[in-house]
Amino acid sequence: MLAALLVLVVATSAISPSYPADWLLENWLVFVFVGLLAAIYRRAPFSRASYVAIFILLCLHEVGAHYTYSEVPYDEWIEAATGSTLNGIMGWERNHFDRLVHFAYGLLIAFPMRELFLRVSDSRGFWSYFLPLQLIIALSAWYELIEWAAAMAFGGDLGMAYLGTQGDVWDAHKDMGLALAGATLSLLAAALVNGFRNRDPALEWIDRTRGPGTGGVA
């Protein structure tokens, strides 16, 4: 169901995007990522909660891909609903939709990342939360490097639309910081809840779905 809904979301995002070339550039990683999810679905499935988190993140990304991140009209939407703009209330001067998605990346991808990490490692306790956090921030840094390389390769308006710094020289640092903050919040909450309940649903899911002879966590 989520796969079908995602196809619909991507197709809708592709209808008259603000910058068609940027839409393709924004989505090539999505196509690769979804292909990988499909490829490992039978052997290493994620939990339903993880698939929902991934779906929400990809939906947010498709909004950014349709308008380009720096031009998502969230202020107009909020003003139409409430009569006030979020930027006006917060005193912001730039479009912060990209900041939201980077924070959401950390917040939402942390749980599926931990499931993946538990499936391929023998970590327990503190390390089963801390090491996935390091992988998330590393992937965030890799994405910033990919953005920089694409902007250098394509140049011009397309490169700047994809990079989306909006004149902020610390844009990449802030994006990575927000991803780290979101992931830290998510994993810390999971650790506290799991400790309070004295059970780990992620580890239980891995144990239920591991095939014979696949190794990893016992």
N, C-alpha and C. Protein backbone atom coordinates (compact mmCIF):
# COMPACT_ATOMS: atom_id res chain seq x y z
N MET A 1 0.82 -1.20 0.00
CA MET A 1 0.00 0.00 0.00
C MET A 1 0.87 1.26 0.00
N LEU A 2 1.91 1.25 0.85
CA LEU A 2 2.79 2.41 0.90
C LEU A 2 3.53 2.59 -0.42
N ALA A 3 3.92 1.49 -1.05
CA ALA A 3 4.60 1.58 -2.35
C ALA A 3 3.69 2.21 -3.39
N ALA A 4 2.42 1.79 -3.40
CA ALA A 4 1.46 2.35 -4.35
C ALA A 4 1.23 3.83 -4.08
N LEU A 5 1.11 4.19 -2.81
CA LEU A 5 0.92 5.60 -2.46
C LEU A 5 2.14 6.42 -2.84
N LEU A 6 3.33 5.85 -2.67
CA LEU A 6 4.55 6.58 -3.02
C LEU A 6 4.62 6.83 -4.53
N VAL A 7 4.23 5.85 -5.32
CA VAL A 7 4.18 6.04 -6.77
C VAL A 7 3.24 7.20 -7.11
N LEU A 8 2.11 7.26 -6.43
CA LEU A 8 1.15 8.35 -6.66
C LEU A 8 1.75 9.69 -6.25
N VAL A 9 2.44 9.74 -5.12
CA VAL A 9 3.05 10.98 -4.65
C VAL A 9 4.12 11.46 -5.62
N VAL A 10 4.97 10.54 -6.08
CA VAL A 10 6.04 10.91 -7.02
C VAL A 10 5.44 11.39 -8.34
N ALA A 11 4.41 10.67 -8.81
CA ALA A 11 3.76 11.07 -10.06
C ALA A 11 3.14 12.45 -9.94
N THR A 12 2.51 12.73 -8.80
CA THR A 12 1.92 14.05 -8.58
C THR A 12 3.00 15.13 -8.52
N SER A 13 4.11 14.81 -7.86
CA SER A 13 5.22 15.76 -7.78
C SER A 13 5.79 16.07 -9.16
N ALA A 14 5.69 15.12 -10.07
CA ALA A 14 6.26 15.29 -11.41
C ALA A 14 5.38 16.13 -12.33
N ILE A 15 4.16 16.45 -11.89
CA ILE A 15 3.25 17.26 -12.72
C ILE A 15 3.64 18.73 -12.63
N SER A 16 4.10 19.27 -13.72
CA SER A 16 4.47 20.69 -13.82
C SER A 16 5.34 21.17 -12.65
N PRO A 17 6.48 20.52 -12.39
CA PRO A 17 7.36 21.01 -11.32
C PRO A 17 7.91 22.38 -11.68
N SER A 18 8.31 23.14 -10.69
CA SER A 18 8.83 24.49 -10.94
C SER A 18 10.04 24.46 -11.86
N TYR A 19 10.91 23.47 -11.66
CA TYR A 19 12.11 23.33 -12.49
C TYR A 19 12.26 21.84 -12.83
N PRO A 20 11.79 21.41 -14.00
CA PRO A 20 11.80 19.98 -14.35
C PRO A 20 13.18 19.34 -14.24
N ALA A 21 14.23 20.04 -14.68
CA ALA A 21 15.58 19.47 -14.59
C ALA A 21 15.98 19.25 -13.13
N ASP A 22 15.62 20.18 -12.26
CA ASP A 22 15.93 20.03 -10.84
C ASP A 22 15.13 18.89 -10.22
N TRP A 23 13.89 18.71 -10.70
CA TRP A 23 13.07 17.59 -10.20
C TRP A 23 13.77 16.26 -10.47
N LEU A 24 14.30 16.10 -11.68
CA LEU A 24 15.01 14.86 -12.01
C LEU A 24 16.27 14.72 -11.16
N LEU A 25 16.97 15.81 -10.97
CA LEU A 25 18.20 15.77 -10.17
C LEU A 25 17.89 15.45 -8.71
N GLU A 26 16.81 16.00 -8.20
CA GLU A 26 16.42 15.73 -6.81
C GLU A 26 15.99 14.27 -6.61
N ASN A 27 15.48 13.63 -7.64
CA ASN A 27 14.84 12.33 -7.47
C ASN A 27 15.69 11.13 -7.85
N TRP A 28 16.87 11.35 -8.43
CA TRP A 28 17.63 10.17 -8.84
C TRP A 28 18.03 9.32 -7.63
N LEU A 29 18.36 9.97 -6.51
CA LEU A 29 18.69 9.20 -5.31
C LEU A 29 17.46 8.49 -4.75
N VAL A 30 16.29 9.10 -4.91
CA VAL A 30 15.05 8.45 -4.46
C VAL A 30 14.83 7.17 -5.23
N PHE A 31 15.01 7.21 -6.55
CA PHE A 31 14.81 6.02 -7.36
C PHE A 31 15.79 4.91 -6.98
N VAL A 32 17.05 5.29 -6.73
CA VAL A 32 18.05 4.31 -6.30
C VAL A 32 17.68 3.72 -4.94
N PHE A 33 17.28 4.60 -4.01
CA PHE A 33 16.95 4.17 -2.65
C PHE A 33 15.75 3.23 -2.64
N VAL A 34 14.69 3.59 -3.37
CA VAL A 34 13.50 2.74 -3.42
C VAL A 34 13.83 1.41 -4.09
N GLY A 35 14.68 1.44 -5.10
CA GLY A 35 15.11 0.19 -5.73
C GLY A 35 15.83 -0.72 -4.76
N LEU A 36 16.68 -0.15 -3.91
CA LEU A 36 17.38 -0.94 -2.89
C LEU A 36 16.40 -1.51 -1.87
N LEU A 37 15.41 -0.71 -1.46
CA LEU A 37 14.40 -1.20 -0.52
C LEU A 37 13.65 -2.39 -1.11
N ALA A 38 13.32 -2.30 -2.40
CA ALA A 38 12.62 -3.40 -3.06
C ALA A 38 13.51 -4.63 -3.16
N ALA A 39 14.80 -4.41 -3.41
CA ALA A 39 15.72 -5.53 -3.60
C ALA A 39 15.92 -6.33 -2.32
N ILE A 40 15.89 -5.67 -1.15
CA ILE A 40 16.14 -6.37 0.12
C ILE A 40 14.85 -6.69 0.87
N TYR A 41 13.72 -6.43 0.23
CA TYR A 41 12.44 -6.57 0.94
C TYR A 41 12.24 -7.98 1.50
N ARG A 42 12.55 -9.00 0.71
CA ARG A 42 12.34 -10.38 1.14
C ARG A 42 13.38 -10.83 2.17
N ARG A 43 14.62 -10.46 1.94
CA ARG A 43 15.71 -10.95 2.79
C ARG A 43 15.85 -10.16 4.08
N ALA A 44 15.64 -8.86 4.03
CA ALA A 44 15.85 -8.02 5.21
C ALA A 44 14.77 -6.95 5.30
N PRO A 45 13.53 -7.35 5.57
CA PRO A 45 12.44 -6.37 5.63
C PRO A 45 12.53 -5.49 6.87
N PHE A 46 12.10 -4.24 6.71
CA PHE A 46 11.95 -3.36 7.85
C PHE A 46 10.58 -3.57 8.49
N SER A 47 10.40 -3.05 9.69
CA SER A 47 9.10 -3.12 10.35
C SER A 47 8.13 -2.15 9.69
N ARG A 48 6.86 -2.30 9.97
CA ARG A 48 5.87 -1.37 9.42
C ARG A 48 6.13 0.05 9.87
N ALA A 49 6.51 0.22 11.12
CA ALA A 49 6.80 1.56 11.63
C ALA A 49 7.93 2.21 10.83
N SER A 50 8.96 1.43 10.50
CA SER A 50 10.08 1.97 9.73
C SER A 50 9.65 2.34 8.32
N TYR A 51 8.84 1.49 7.69
CA TYR A 51 8.38 1.81 6.34
C TYR A 51 7.51 3.07 6.33
N VAL A 52 6.70 3.25 7.36
CA VAL A 52 5.88 4.47 7.45
C VAL A 52 6.79 5.70 7.61
N ALA A 53 7.82 5.58 8.45
CA ALA A 53 8.76 6.70 8.64
C ALA A 53 9.46 7.05 7.34
N ILE A 54 9.90 6.03 6.60
CA ILE A 54 10.56 6.26 5.31
C ILE A 54 9.59 6.91 4.33
N PHE A 55 8.35 6.44 4.31
CA PHE A 55 7.33 7.00 3.41
C PHE A 55 7.09 8.48 3.69
N ILE A 56 6.97 8.85 4.97
CA ILE A 56 6.74 10.26 5.33
C ILE A 56 7.91 11.12 4.88
N LEU A 57 9.14 10.62 5.09
CA LEU A 57 10.32 11.38 4.69
C LEU A 57 10.34 11.59 3.17
N LEU A 58 10.02 10.55 2.41
CA LEU A 58 10.03 10.67 0.96
C LEU A 58 8.93 11.60 0.46
N CYS A 59 7.78 11.61 1.15
CA CYS A 59 6.71 12.55 0.79
C CYS A 59 7.17 13.99 0.98
N LEU A 60 7.84 14.27 2.10
CA LEU A 60 8.37 15.61 2.33
C LEU A 60 9.38 15.98 1.25
N HIS A 61 10.20 15.01 0.87
CA HIS A 61 11.19 15.28 -0.18
C HIS A 61 10.51 15.61 -1.51
N GLU A 62 9.42 14.91 -1.81
CA GLU A 62 8.75 15.15 -3.09
C GLU A 62 8.13 16.55 -3.15
N VAL A 63 7.71 17.06 -2.02
CA VAL A 63 7.24 18.45 -1.98
C VAL A 63 8.39 19.38 -2.35
N GLY A 64 9.55 19.14 -1.74
CA GLY A 64 10.72 19.95 -2.05
C GLY A 64 11.16 19.81 -3.49
N ALA A 65 11.06 18.61 -4.04
CA ALA A 65 11.46 18.38 -5.43
C ALA A 65 10.52 19.08 -6.40
N HIS A 66 9.24 19.13 -6.06
CA HIS A 66 8.26 19.76 -6.96
C HIS A 66 8.49 21.27 -7.07
N TYR A 67 8.69 21.92 -5.94
CA TYR A 67 8.84 23.38 -5.93
C TYR A 67 10.30 23.83 -5.99
N THR A 68 11.22 22.95 -5.71
CA THR A 68 12.60 23.16 -5.26
C THR A 68 12.53 23.62 -3.81
N TYR A 69 13.49 23.14 -3.04
CA TYR A 69 13.43 23.34 -1.59
C TYR A 69 13.37 24.80 -1.18
N SER A 70 14.08 25.65 -1.89
CA SER A 70 14.14 27.05 -1.48
C SER A 70 12.90 27.85 -1.85
N GLU A 71 11.94 27.20 -2.58
CA GLU A 71 10.75 27.93 -3.01
C GLU A 71 9.45 27.26 -2.59
N VAL A 72 9.51 26.30 -1.66
CA VAL A 72 8.27 25.68 -1.17
C VAL A 72 7.44 26.75 -0.46
N PRO A 73 6.21 26.98 -0.90
CA PRO A 73 5.42 28.12 -0.37
C PRO A 73 4.70 27.81 0.94
N TYR A 74 5.43 27.31 1.92
CA TYR A 74 4.79 26.97 3.18
C TYR A 74 4.22 28.20 3.87
N ASP A 75 4.87 29.35 3.70
CA ASP A 75 4.38 30.57 4.33
C ASP A 75 3.01 30.96 3.78
N GLU A 76 2.83 30.81 2.45
CA GLU A 76 1.54 31.11 1.84
C GLU A 76 0.46 30.16 2.34
N TRP A 77 0.82 28.88 2.50
CA TRP A 77 -0.15 27.90 3.00
C TRP A 77 -0.57 28.24 4.43
N ILE A 78 0.42 28.56 5.28
CA ILE A 78 0.12 28.86 6.68
C ILE A 78 -0.68 30.16 6.79
N GLU A 79 -0.34 31.13 5.95
CA GLU A 79 -1.07 32.40 5.97
C GLU A 79 -2.51 32.21 5.53
N ALA A 80 -2.75 31.35 4.54
CA ALA A 80 -4.11 31.09 4.08
C ALA A 80 -4.93 30.41 5.16
N ALA A 81 -4.27 29.59 6.00
CA ALA A 81 -4.99 28.85 7.04
C ALA A 81 -5.15 29.64 8.33
N THR A 82 -4.16 30.49 8.66
CA THR A 82 -4.17 31.16 9.96
C THR A 82 -4.18 32.68 9.88
N GLY A 83 -3.87 33.23 8.71
CA GLY A 83 -3.80 34.68 8.58
C GLY A 83 -2.45 35.25 8.94
N SER A 84 -1.51 34.40 9.37
CA SER A 84 -0.16 34.84 9.71
C SER A 84 0.86 33.96 9.03
N THR A 85 2.06 34.48 8.82
CA THR A 85 3.13 33.68 8.22
C THR A 85 4.07 33.17 9.30
N LEU A 86 4.60 31.98 9.10
CA LEU A 86 5.53 31.41 10.07
C LEU A 86 6.83 32.21 10.09
N ASN A 87 7.30 32.62 8.90
CA ASN A 87 8.52 33.41 8.86
C ASN A 87 8.36 34.74 9.60
N GLY A 88 7.18 35.33 9.46
CA GLY A 88 6.92 36.58 10.17
C GLY A 88 6.91 36.40 11.67
N ILE A 89 6.30 35.31 12.14
CA ILE A 89 6.23 35.04 13.57
C ILE A 89 7.62 34.75 14.14
N MET A 90 8.41 33.95 13.39
CA MET A 90 9.72 33.54 13.88
C MET A 90 10.83 34.53 13.56
N GLY A 91 10.53 35.51 12.71
CA GLY A 91 11.55 36.47 12.33
C GLY A 91 12.57 35.93 11.34
N TRP A 92 12.17 34.93 10.56
CA TRP A 92 13.07 34.33 9.58
C TRP A 92 13.04 35.13 8.29
N GLU A 93 14.16 35.11 7.58
CA GLU A 93 14.25 35.79 6.29
C GLU A 93 14.40 34.82 5.12
N ARG A 94 14.79 33.59 5.38
CA ARG A 94 14.98 32.60 4.32
C ARG A 94 13.87 31.55 4.37
N ASN A 95 13.77 30.77 3.30
CA ASN A 95 12.84 29.64 3.27
C ASN A 95 13.49 28.47 4.03
N HIS A 96 12.80 27.97 5.04
CA HIS A 96 13.38 26.95 5.92
C HIS A 96 12.84 25.55 5.67
N PHE A 97 12.22 25.31 4.52
CA PHE A 97 11.69 23.97 4.28
C PHE A 97 12.82 22.94 4.23
N ASP A 98 13.97 23.32 3.66
CA ASP A 98 15.09 22.39 3.61
C ASP A 98 15.56 22.02 5.01
N ARG A 99 15.53 22.99 5.92
CA ARG A 99 15.92 22.70 7.31
C ARG A 99 14.97 21.66 7.93
N LEU A 100 13.67 21.83 7.65
CA LEU A 100 12.68 20.89 8.16
C LEU A 100 12.98 19.48 7.68
N VAL A 101 13.28 19.33 6.40
CA VAL A 101 13.48 18.00 5.84
C VAL A 101 14.78 17.37 6.37
N HIS A 102 15.81 18.16 6.58
CA HIS A 102 17.04 17.61 7.14
C HIS A 102 16.81 17.15 8.58
N PHE A 103 16.04 17.91 9.35
CA PHE A 103 15.70 17.47 10.71
C PHE A 103 14.84 16.21 10.65
N ALA A 104 13.87 16.19 9.72
CA ALA A 104 13.00 15.02 9.57
C ALA A 104 13.78 13.79 9.13
N TYR A 105 14.80 14.00 8.29
CA TYR A 105 15.66 12.88 7.90
C TYR A 105 16.25 12.20 9.12
N GLY A 106 16.86 12.98 10.01
CA GLY A 106 17.42 12.38 11.21
C GLY A 106 16.37 11.75 12.10
N LEU A 107 15.27 12.47 12.29
CA LEU A 107 14.21 12.00 13.18
C LEU A 107 13.56 10.72 12.68
N LEU A 108 13.28 10.65 11.38
CA LEU A 108 12.50 9.55 10.82
C LEU A 108 13.35 8.38 10.38
N ILE A 109 14.58 8.63 9.93
CA ILE A 109 15.40 7.54 9.40
C ILE A 109 16.14 6.80 10.51
N ALA A 110 16.16 7.36 11.71
CA ALA A 110 16.92 6.77 12.80
C ALA A 110 16.41 5.37 13.15
N PHE A 111 15.10 5.19 13.21
CA PHE A 111 14.57 3.89 13.61
C PHE A 111 14.86 2.81 12.57
N PRO A 112 14.56 3.04 11.25
CA PRO A 112 14.94 2.02 10.28
C PRO A 112 16.45 1.80 10.19
N MET A 113 17.24 2.86 10.40
CA MET A 113 18.69 2.70 10.37
C MET A 113 19.14 1.79 11.52
N ARG A 114 18.53 1.94 12.68
CA ARG A 114 18.89 1.08 13.80
C ARG A 114 18.48 -0.36 13.53
N GLU A 115 17.32 -0.56 12.91
CA GLU A 115 16.91 -1.93 12.55
C GLU A 115 17.92 -2.56 11.60
N LEU A 116 18.35 -1.78 10.61
CA LEU A 116 19.34 -2.29 9.65
C LEU A 116 20.65 -2.62 10.36
N PHE A 117 21.07 -1.74 11.27
CA PHE A 117 22.31 -1.95 12.00
C PHE A 117 22.23 -3.20 12.87
N LEU A 118 21.10 -3.40 13.56
CA LEU A 118 20.93 -4.57 14.40
C LEU A 118 20.95 -5.86 13.58
N ARG A 119 20.48 -5.77 12.35
CA ARG A 119 20.43 -6.97 11.51
C ARG A 119 21.82 -7.42 11.08
N VAL A 120 22.75 -6.48 10.94
CA VAL A 120 24.07 -6.84 10.41
C VAL A 120 25.18 -6.79 11.45
N SER A 121 24.85 -6.48 12.70
CA SER A 121 25.89 -6.37 13.72
C SER A 121 25.48 -7.11 14.99
N ASP A 122 26.42 -7.21 15.90
CA ASP A 122 26.17 -7.85 17.20
C ASP A 122 26.11 -6.84 18.33
N SER A 123 25.88 -5.59 18.02
CA SER A 123 25.87 -4.54 19.05
C SER A 123 24.65 -4.68 19.96
N ARG A 124 24.85 -4.29 21.20
CA ARG A 124 23.77 -4.27 22.18
C ARG A 124 23.87 -2.97 22.99
N GLY A 125 22.80 -2.65 23.71
CA GLY A 125 22.84 -1.54 24.64
C GLY A 125 23.21 -0.22 23.99
N PHE A 126 24.09 0.52 24.64
CA PHE A 126 24.48 1.86 24.21
C PHE A 126 24.95 1.89 22.76
N TRP A 127 25.76 0.92 22.36
CA TRP A 127 26.35 0.93 21.02
C TRP A 127 25.30 0.70 19.94
N SER A 128 24.23 0.02 20.27
CA SER A 128 23.18 -0.21 19.27
C SER A 128 22.39 1.05 18.96
N TYR A 129 22.57 2.09 19.78
CA TYR A 129 21.96 3.40 19.51
C TYR A 129 23.01 4.38 18.98
N PHE A 130 24.20 4.34 19.57
CA PHE A 130 25.23 5.33 19.22
C PHE A 130 25.79 5.11 17.82
N LEU A 131 26.06 3.87 17.43
CA LEU A 131 26.67 3.60 16.13
C LEU A 131 25.72 3.92 14.96
N PRO A 132 24.42 3.60 15.04
CA PRO A 132 23.52 4.06 13.97
C PRO A 132 23.47 5.58 13.87
N LEU A 133 23.59 6.27 15.00
CA LEU A 133 23.63 7.73 14.99
C LEU A 133 24.82 8.23 14.18
N GLN A 134 25.98 7.58 14.36
CA GLN A 134 27.16 7.97 13.61
C GLN A 134 26.99 7.71 12.11
N LEU A 135 26.32 6.62 11.77
CA LEU A 135 26.08 6.32 10.36
C LEU A 135 25.15 7.35 9.74
N ILE A 136 24.15 7.79 10.49
CA ILE A 136 23.22 8.80 9.98
C ILE A 136 23.93 10.11 9.68
N ILE A 137 24.76 10.57 10.60
CA ILE A 137 25.46 11.84 10.36
C ILE A 137 26.48 11.68 9.25
N ALA A 138 27.08 10.48 9.11
CA ALA A 138 28.02 10.25 8.01
C ALA A 138 27.30 10.30 6.66
N LEU A 139 26.11 9.70 6.59
CA LEU A 139 25.35 9.75 5.34
C LEU A 139 24.89 11.17 5.04
N SER A 140 24.57 11.93 6.08
CA SER A 140 24.20 13.33 5.88
C SER A 140 25.37 14.11 5.29
N ALA A 141 26.57 13.85 5.77
CA ALA A 141 27.76 14.51 5.23
C ALA A 141 28.00 14.09 3.78
N TRP A 142 27.82 12.80 3.49
CA TRP A 142 27.96 12.32 2.11
C TRP A 142 26.98 13.02 1.20
N TYR A 143 25.74 13.22 1.67
CA TYR A 143 24.74 13.89 0.84
C TYR A 143 25.15 15.33 0.54
N GLU A 144 25.69 16.01 1.55
CA GLU A 144 26.15 17.38 1.32
C GLU A 144 27.28 17.42 0.29
N LEU A 145 28.15 16.43 0.32
CA LEU A 145 29.22 16.36 -0.67
C LEU A 145 28.67 16.08 -2.07
N ILE A 146 27.63 15.23 -2.15
CA ILE A 146 27.00 14.96 -3.44
C ILE A 146 26.35 16.22 -3.98
N GLU A 147 25.67 16.98 -3.11
CA GLU A 147 25.08 18.25 -3.52
C GLU A 147 26.14 19.20 -4.07
N TRP A 148 27.25 19.30 -3.36
CA TRP A 148 28.33 20.19 -3.80
C TRP A 148 28.88 19.74 -5.16
N ALA A 149 29.10 18.42 -5.32
CA ALA A 149 29.65 17.91 -6.57
C ALA A 149 28.68 18.15 -7.73
N ALA A 150 27.36 17.94 -7.48
CA ALA A 150 26.37 18.17 -8.53
C ALA A 150 26.30 19.64 -8.91
N ALA A 151 26.36 20.52 -7.91
CA ALA A 151 26.32 21.95 -8.19
C ALA A 151 27.54 22.37 -9.02
N MET A 152 28.71 21.80 -8.71
CA MET A 152 29.92 22.11 -9.47
C MET A 152 29.81 21.56 -10.89
N ALA A 153 29.22 20.37 -11.02
CA ALA A 153 29.15 19.73 -12.34
C ALA A 153 28.15 20.42 -13.26
N PHE A 154 26.99 20.78 -12.74
CA PHE A 154 25.93 21.35 -13.57
C PHE A 154 26.01 22.87 -13.65
N GLY A 155 26.44 23.50 -12.56
CA GLY A 155 26.61 24.95 -12.56
C GLY A 155 25.31 25.70 -12.84
N GLY A 156 25.42 27.01 -12.97
CA GLY A 156 24.29 27.84 -13.35
C GLY A 156 23.10 27.74 -12.41
N ASP A 157 21.91 28.03 -12.94
CA ASP A 157 20.70 28.03 -12.14
C ASP A 157 20.35 26.65 -11.63
N LEU A 158 20.60 25.60 -12.44
CA LEU A 158 20.30 24.24 -12.02
C LEU A 158 21.15 23.85 -10.82
N GLY A 159 22.43 24.15 -10.89
CA GLY A 159 23.31 23.82 -9.77
C GLY A 159 22.92 24.55 -8.50
N MET A 160 22.58 25.83 -8.62
CA MET A 160 22.21 26.60 -7.44
C MET A 160 20.86 26.15 -6.89
N ALA A 161 19.91 25.78 -7.78
CA ALA A 161 18.60 25.29 -7.32
C ALA A 161 18.76 23.99 -6.55
N TYR A 162 19.66 23.13 -7.01
CA TYR A 162 19.88 21.84 -6.33
C TYR A 162 20.61 22.05 -5.01
N LEU A 163 21.58 22.94 -5.00
CA LEU A 163 22.35 23.19 -3.78
C LEU A 163 21.49 23.89 -2.73
N GLY A 164 20.74 24.91 -3.12
CA GLY A 164 19.76 25.54 -2.24
C GLY A 164 20.31 26.19 -0.99
N THR A 165 21.50 26.77 -1.06
CA THR A 165 22.07 27.39 0.15
C THR A 165 21.39 28.70 0.51
N GLN A 166 20.77 29.36 -0.45
CA GLN A 166 20.12 30.66 -0.25
C GLN A 166 21.07 31.68 0.37
N GLY A 167 22.32 31.60 -0.07
CA GLY A 167 23.29 32.58 0.39
C GLY A 167 23.91 32.33 1.74
N ASP A 168 23.58 31.22 2.39
CA ASP A 168 24.10 30.91 3.72
C ASP A 168 25.37 30.07 3.58
N VAL A 169 26.53 30.62 3.94
CA VAL A 169 27.78 29.89 3.79
C VAL A 169 27.87 28.70 4.76
N TRP A 170 27.04 28.71 5.81
CA TRP A 170 27.04 27.62 6.78
C TRP A 170 25.88 26.65 6.54
N ASP A 171 25.28 26.69 5.35
CA ASP A 171 24.11 25.88 5.06
C ASP A 171 24.36 24.39 5.30
N ALA A 172 25.45 23.86 4.75
CA ALA A 172 25.74 22.42 4.90
C ALA A 172 25.92 22.04 6.36
N HIS A 173 26.60 22.90 7.13
CA HIS A 173 26.84 22.61 8.55
C HIS A 173 25.52 22.57 9.32
N LYS A 174 24.65 23.53 9.03
CA LYS A 174 23.36 23.57 9.72
C LYS A 174 22.49 22.38 9.35
N ASP A 175 22.53 21.99 8.07
CA ASP A 175 21.75 20.83 7.63
C ASP A 175 22.21 19.57 8.36
N MET A 176 23.52 19.37 8.44
CA MET A 176 24.04 18.20 9.14
C MET A 176 23.73 18.27 10.63
N GLY A 177 23.80 19.48 11.20
CA GLY A 177 23.47 19.64 12.62
C GLY A 177 22.03 19.29 12.92
N LEU A 178 21.13 19.69 12.03
CA LEU A 178 19.72 19.38 12.23
C LEU A 178 19.45 17.89 12.07
N ALA A 179 20.12 17.25 11.12
CA ALA A 179 19.98 15.81 10.96
C ALA A 179 20.46 15.09 12.22
N LEU A 180 21.59 15.56 12.77
CA LEU A 180 22.11 14.98 14.01
C LEU A 180 21.14 15.19 15.16
N ALA A 181 20.55 16.39 15.24
CA ALA A 181 19.60 16.68 16.32
C ALA A 181 18.37 15.78 16.22
N GLY A 182 17.83 15.63 15.00
CA GLY A 182 16.65 14.79 14.82
C GLY A 182 16.93 13.34 15.18
N ALA A 183 18.08 12.82 14.72
CA ALA A 183 18.43 11.42 15.00
C ALA A 183 18.69 11.21 16.49
N THR A 184 19.37 12.17 17.12
CA THR A 184 19.64 12.06 18.56
C THR A 184 18.34 12.02 19.35
N LEU A 185 17.41 12.89 19.00
CA LEU A 185 16.12 12.93 19.69
C LEU A 185 15.38 11.61 19.51
N SER A 186 15.36 11.08 18.29
CA SER A 186 14.64 9.85 18.01
C SER A 186 15.25 8.65 18.74
N LEU A 187 16.57 8.52 18.66
CA LEU A 187 17.23 7.36 19.28
C LEU A 187 17.23 7.47 20.80
N LEU A 188 17.36 8.69 21.32
CA LEU A 188 17.29 8.86 22.77
C LEU A 188 15.91 8.48 23.29
N ALA A 189 14.87 8.91 22.58
CA ALA A 189 13.50 8.55 22.97
C ALA A 189 13.31 7.04 22.92
N ALA A 190 13.83 6.40 21.86
CA ALA A 190 13.70 4.94 21.74
C ALA A 190 14.43 4.24 22.88
N ALA A 191 15.62 4.72 23.22
CA ALA A 191 16.39 4.10 24.31
C ALA A 191 15.66 4.23 25.64
N LEU A 192 15.09 5.41 25.91
CA LEU A 192 14.38 5.62 27.17
C LEU A 192 13.12 4.76 27.25
N VAL A 193 12.35 4.70 26.16
CA VAL A 193 11.12 3.89 26.14
C VAL A 193 11.46 2.41 26.26
N ASN A 194 12.47 1.96 25.51
CA ASN A 194 12.86 0.54 25.58
C ASN A 194 13.36 0.17 26.96
N GLY A 195 14.14 1.08 27.57
CA GLY A 195 14.63 0.81 28.92
C GLY A 195 13.50 0.76 29.93
N PHE A 196 12.54 1.66 29.81
CA PHE A 196 11.41 1.69 30.74
C PHE A 196 10.55 0.44 30.60
N ARG A 197 10.35 -0.01 29.35
CA ARG A 197 9.51 -1.19 29.11
C ARG A 197 10.29 -2.49 29.22
N ASN A 198 11.62 -2.39 29.31
CA ASN A 198 12.49 -3.56 29.39
C ASN A 198 12.31 -4.50 28.20
N ARG A 199 12.15 -3.94 27.02
CA ARG A 199 12.07 -4.72 25.79
C ARG A 199 12.48 -3.83 24.62
N ASP A 200 12.93 -4.48 23.56
CA ASP A 200 13.43 -3.75 22.39
C ASP A 200 12.66 -4.24 21.16
N PRO A 201 11.60 -3.52 20.75
CA PRO A 201 10.80 -3.97 19.59
C PRO A 201 11.62 -4.12 18.32
N ALA A 202 12.62 -3.29 18.12
CA ALA A 202 13.44 -3.40 16.91
C ALA A 202 14.20 -4.73 16.89
N LEU A 203 14.79 -5.09 18.02
CA LEU A 203 15.51 -6.35 18.10
C LEU A 203 14.56 -7.53 17.98
N GLU A 204 13.38 -7.41 18.57
CA GLU A 204 12.38 -8.47 18.45
C GLU A 204 11.97 -8.67 16.99
N TRP A 205 11.83 -7.56 16.25
CA TRP A 205 11.46 -7.65 14.83
C TRP A 205 12.56 -8.36 14.03
N ILE A 206 13.81 -8.02 14.31
CA ILE A 206 14.92 -8.65 13.60
C ILE A 206 14.93 -10.15 13.87
N ASP A 207 14.71 -10.54 15.13
CA ASP A 207 14.71 -11.96 15.48
C ASP A 207 13.58 -12.72 14.77
N ARG A 208 12.42 -12.06 14.62
CA ARG A 208 11.30 -12.73 13.97
C ARG A 208 11.47 -12.88 12.47
N THR A 209 12.19 -11.96 11.86
CA THR A 209 12.26 -11.94 10.40
C THR A 209 13.59 -12.45 9.84
N ARG A 210 14.50 -12.87 10.71
CA ARG A 210 15.77 -13.38 10.21
C ARG A 210 15.59 -14.80 9.71
N GLY A 211 16.08 -15.05 8.53
CA GLY A 211 16.05 -16.40 7.98
C GLY A 211 17.15 -17.26 8.57
N PRO A 212 17.07 -18.56 8.39
CA PRO A 212 18.11 -19.44 8.93
C PRO A 212 19.45 -19.20 8.24
N GLY A 213 20.50 -19.17 9.04
CA GLY A 213 21.83 -19.03 8.50
C GLY A 213 22.21 -17.65 8.03
N THR A 214 21.47 -16.61 8.45
CA THR A 214 21.79 -15.26 7.98
C THR A 214 22.79 -14.55 8.89
N GLY A 215 23.07 -15.09 10.05
CA GLY A 215 24.06 -14.48 10.93
C GLY A 215 23.52 -13.24 11.60
N GLY A 216 24.44 -12.35 12.05
CA GLY A 216 24.02 -11.11 12.68
C GLY A 216 23.67 -11.35 14.14
N VAL A 217 22.72 -10.58 14.65
CA VAL A 217 22.36 -10.66 16.07
C VAL A 217 21.71 -11.98 16.36
N ALA A 218 22.12 -12.64 17.44
CA ALA A 218 21.56 -13.94 17.80
C ALA A 218 20.25 -13.77 18.54
